[in-house]
Amino acid sequence: MKPRWLEILQVELHDPHLAIAAVVGVFIVILHFGVIPLLDRFPFLSPLAWFFLLLFGFLWIIQVVNALRSKLPKR
């Protein structure tokens, strides 16, 4: 039998916040290694990608923490 926190985490892994953060993270890695050259006309792409990575990453973390807290027994 799986622990309750593992069940909650498996349910929360199918979340659009995590998917968006993962896609933006892959985009940042691709930009870093030069697979896609950063265009001179769009110098704001890299900071914008970092902003979205942090935003959606934190949203996912907050959602997981809230789900874990709601499943804990009340004191």
N, C-alpha and C. Protein backbone atom coordinates (compact mmCIF):
# COMPACT_ATOMS: atom_id res chain seq x y z
N MET A 1 0.84 -1.17 0.00
CA MET A 1 0.00 0.00 0.00
C MET A 1 0.90 1.25 0.00
N LYS A 2 0.54 2.21 -0.84
CA LYS A 2 1.34 3.42 -0.97
C LYS A 2 1.03 4.39 0.17
N PRO A 3 2.06 5.12 0.62
CA PRO A 3 1.79 6.16 1.62
C PRO A 3 0.91 7.26 1.03
N ARG A 4 0.22 7.98 1.89
CA ARG A 4 -0.71 9.01 1.42
C ARG A 4 0.01 10.15 0.71
N TRP A 5 1.22 10.52 1.17
CA TRP A 5 1.92 11.63 0.54
C TRP A 5 2.33 11.26 -0.88
N LEU A 6 2.63 9.97 -1.13
CA LEU A 6 2.99 9.55 -2.47
C LEU A 6 1.78 9.58 -3.40
N GLU A 7 0.62 9.20 -2.88
CA GLU A 7 -0.60 9.28 -3.68
C GLU A 7 -0.92 10.72 -4.05
N ILE A 8 -0.77 11.64 -3.09
CA ILE A 8 -1.04 13.05 -3.35
C ILE A 8 -0.06 13.58 -4.39
N LEU A 9 1.20 13.22 -4.26
CA LEU A 9 2.21 13.71 -5.20
C LEU A 9 1.96 13.17 -6.60
N GLN A 10 1.52 11.93 -6.72
CA GLN A 10 1.22 11.38 -8.03
C GLN A 10 0.04 12.09 -8.67
N VAL A 11 -0.95 12.46 -7.88
CA VAL A 11 -2.09 13.19 -8.42
C VAL A 11 -1.65 14.59 -8.85
N GLU A 12 -0.80 15.23 -8.07
CA GLU A 12 -0.37 16.59 -8.36
C GLU A 12 0.62 16.66 -9.51
N LEU A 13 1.21 15.56 -9.92
CA LEU A 13 2.16 15.59 -11.03
C LEU A 13 1.46 15.78 -12.36
N HIS A 14 0.17 15.60 -12.43
CA HIS A 14 -0.59 15.80 -13.67
C HIS A 14 -1.22 17.19 -13.66
N ASP A 15 -0.41 18.17 -13.37
CA ASP A 15 -0.88 19.54 -13.19
C ASP A 15 -0.35 20.42 -14.31
N PRO A 16 -1.15 21.33 -14.83
CA PRO A 16 -0.65 22.20 -15.91
C PRO A 16 0.46 23.15 -15.45
N HIS A 17 0.49 23.51 -14.15
CA HIS A 17 1.57 24.38 -13.67
C HIS A 17 2.92 23.69 -13.82
N LEU A 18 2.97 22.42 -13.47
CA LEU A 18 4.22 21.68 -13.59
C LEU A 18 4.60 21.51 -15.05
N ALA A 19 3.64 21.25 -15.91
CA ALA A 19 3.93 21.07 -17.33
C ALA A 19 4.47 22.36 -17.94
N ILE A 20 3.88 23.50 -17.61
CA ILE A 20 4.36 24.76 -18.16
C ILE A 20 5.75 25.07 -17.63
N ALA A 21 5.99 24.84 -16.35
CA ALA A 21 7.31 25.08 -15.77
C ALA A 21 8.36 24.18 -16.43
N ALA A 22 8.00 22.94 -16.72
CA ALA A 22 8.95 22.03 -17.36
C ALA A 22 9.27 22.48 -18.79
N VAL A 23 8.27 22.91 -19.52
CA VAL A 23 8.50 23.38 -20.90
C VAL A 23 9.38 24.62 -20.91
N VAL A 24 9.11 25.54 -19.99
CA VAL A 24 9.92 26.75 -19.92
C VAL A 24 11.35 26.41 -19.49
N GLY A 25 11.50 25.46 -18.57
CA GLY A 25 12.82 25.01 -18.15
C GLY A 25 13.61 24.40 -19.30
N VAL A 26 12.95 23.61 -20.11
CA VAL A 26 13.62 23.04 -21.29
C VAL A 26 14.01 24.15 -22.25
N PHE A 27 13.15 25.15 -22.42
CA PHE A 27 13.46 26.28 -23.29
C PHE A 27 14.70 27.02 -22.79
N ILE A 28 14.81 27.22 -21.47
CA ILE A 28 15.98 27.89 -20.89
C ILE A 28 17.25 27.08 -21.14
N VAL A 29 17.17 25.77 -20.98
CA VAL A 29 18.33 24.91 -21.22
C VAL A 29 18.75 24.97 -22.69
N ILE A 30 17.77 24.95 -23.58
CA ILE A 30 18.07 25.03 -25.02
C ILE A 30 18.72 26.37 -25.35
N LEU A 31 18.23 27.45 -24.77
CA LEU A 31 18.86 28.76 -24.99
C LEU A 31 20.27 28.79 -24.42
N HIS A 32 20.47 28.18 -23.27
CA HIS A 32 21.78 28.19 -22.62
C HIS A 32 22.83 27.46 -23.46
N PHE A 33 22.47 26.34 -24.03
CA PHE A 33 23.43 25.57 -24.82
C PHE A 33 23.53 26.03 -26.26
N GLY A 34 22.76 27.02 -26.65
CA GLY A 34 22.89 27.61 -27.97
C GLY A 34 22.22 26.85 -29.08
N VAL A 35 21.35 25.92 -28.77
CA VAL A 35 20.62 25.20 -29.81
C VAL A 35 19.72 26.17 -30.57
N ILE A 36 19.07 27.06 -29.81
CA ILE A 36 18.30 28.15 -30.40
C ILE A 36 19.06 29.43 -30.06
N PRO A 37 19.59 30.12 -31.05
CA PRO A 37 20.32 31.35 -30.72
C PRO A 37 19.35 32.43 -30.24
N LEU A 38 19.76 33.14 -29.21
CA LEU A 38 18.94 34.23 -28.70
C LEU A 38 18.99 35.37 -29.71
N LEU A 39 17.86 35.72 -30.23
CA LEU A 39 17.80 36.74 -31.26
C LEU A 39 18.07 38.12 -30.67
N ASP A 40 18.80 38.95 -31.43
CA ASP A 40 19.10 40.30 -30.95
C ASP A 40 17.85 41.17 -30.84
N ARG A 41 16.86 40.86 -31.64
CA ARG A 41 15.63 41.65 -31.60
C ARG A 41 14.81 41.34 -30.36
N PHE A 42 15.04 40.20 -29.73
CA PHE A 42 14.24 39.78 -28.56
C PHE A 42 15.14 39.50 -27.36
N PRO A 43 15.79 40.52 -26.80
CA PRO A 43 16.68 40.27 -25.65
C PRO A 43 15.91 39.96 -24.36
N PHE A 44 14.59 40.15 -24.37
CA PHE A 44 13.78 39.94 -23.17
C PHE A 44 13.34 38.49 -23.01
N LEU A 45 13.66 37.62 -23.98
CA LEU A 45 13.19 36.23 -23.90
C LEU A 45 13.77 35.48 -22.71
N SER A 46 15.05 35.64 -22.45
CA SER A 46 15.67 34.89 -21.36
C SER A 46 15.12 35.31 -19.99
N PRO A 47 15.07 36.61 -19.66
CA PRO A 47 14.48 36.97 -18.35
C PRO A 47 13.00 36.61 -18.24
N LEU A 48 12.28 36.71 -19.35
CA LEU A 48 10.87 36.34 -19.34
C LEU A 48 10.69 34.85 -19.08
N ALA A 49 11.54 34.05 -19.68
CA ALA A 49 11.48 32.60 -19.45
C ALA A 49 11.79 32.26 -18.00
N TRP A 50 12.79 32.92 -17.40
CA TRP A 50 13.10 32.69 -15.99
C TRP A 50 11.94 33.10 -15.09
N PHE A 51 11.28 34.21 -15.43
CA PHE A 51 10.13 34.65 -14.65
C PHE A 51 9.02 33.60 -14.67
N PHE A 52 8.71 33.09 -15.88
CA PHE A 52 7.64 32.09 -15.97
C PHE A 52 8.04 30.77 -15.30
N LEU A 53 9.31 30.41 -15.36
CA LEU A 53 9.76 29.20 -14.68
C LEU A 53 9.55 29.34 -13.17
N LEU A 54 9.95 30.47 -12.61
CA LEU A 54 9.77 30.67 -11.18
C LEU A 54 8.30 30.77 -10.80
N LEU A 55 7.53 31.50 -11.59
CA LEU A 55 6.11 31.68 -11.30
C LEU A 55 5.37 30.35 -11.27
N PHE A 56 5.47 29.58 -12.34
CA PHE A 56 4.72 28.32 -12.41
C PHE A 56 5.32 27.25 -11.51
N GLY A 57 6.63 27.31 -11.26
CA GLY A 57 7.23 26.38 -10.31
C GLY A 57 6.72 26.61 -8.90
N PHE A 58 6.67 27.90 -8.49
CA PHE A 58 6.13 28.21 -7.17
C PHE A 58 4.65 27.91 -7.05
N LEU A 59 3.89 28.16 -8.12
CA LEU A 59 2.46 27.81 -8.08
C LEU A 59 2.26 26.31 -7.88
N TRP A 60 3.08 25.50 -8.53
CA TRP A 60 2.96 24.05 -8.37
C TRP A 60 3.36 23.63 -6.95
N ILE A 61 4.42 24.22 -6.42
CA ILE A 61 4.86 23.88 -5.07
C ILE A 61 3.78 24.26 -4.05
N ILE A 62 3.18 25.43 -4.21
CA ILE A 62 2.11 25.85 -3.30
C ILE A 62 0.92 24.91 -3.38
N GLN A 63 0.59 24.47 -4.58
CA GLN A 63 -0.53 23.54 -4.75
C GLN A 63 -0.25 22.20 -4.08
N VAL A 64 0.98 21.70 -4.20
CA VAL A 64 1.33 20.43 -3.56
C VAL A 64 1.30 20.57 -2.04
N VAL A 65 1.83 21.66 -1.52
CA VAL A 65 1.83 21.88 -0.07
C VAL A 65 0.40 21.98 0.45
N ASN A 66 -0.46 22.70 -0.26
CA ASN A 66 -1.87 22.79 0.17
C ASN A 66 -2.56 21.43 0.13
N ALA A 67 -2.27 20.63 -0.87
CA ALA A 67 -2.86 19.29 -0.93
C ALA A 67 -2.37 18.42 0.20
N LEU A 68 -1.10 18.53 0.53
CA LEU A 68 -0.55 17.75 1.65
C LEU A 68 -1.16 18.21 2.97
N ARG A 69 -1.32 19.52 3.14
CA ARG A 69 -1.89 20.03 4.38
C ARG A 69 -3.36 19.66 4.53
N SER A 70 -4.08 19.58 3.43
CA SER A 70 -5.51 19.25 3.53
C SER A 70 -5.71 17.77 3.87
N LYS A 71 -4.74 16.93 3.57
CA LYS A 71 -4.89 15.51 3.87
C LYS A 71 -4.41 15.14 5.27
N LEU A 72 -3.74 16.07 5.95
CA LEU A 72 -3.28 15.79 7.31
C LEU A 72 -4.47 15.83 8.27
N PRO A 73 -4.43 15.01 9.31
CA PRO A 73 -5.52 15.07 10.30
C PRO A 73 -5.48 16.39 11.05
N LYS A 74 -6.66 16.89 11.40
CA LYS A 74 -6.77 18.15 12.14
C LYS A 74 -6.38 17.92 13.60
N ARG A 75 -5.74 18.93 14.18
CA ARG A 75 -5.36 18.82 15.60
C ARG A 75 -6.48 19.23 16.50
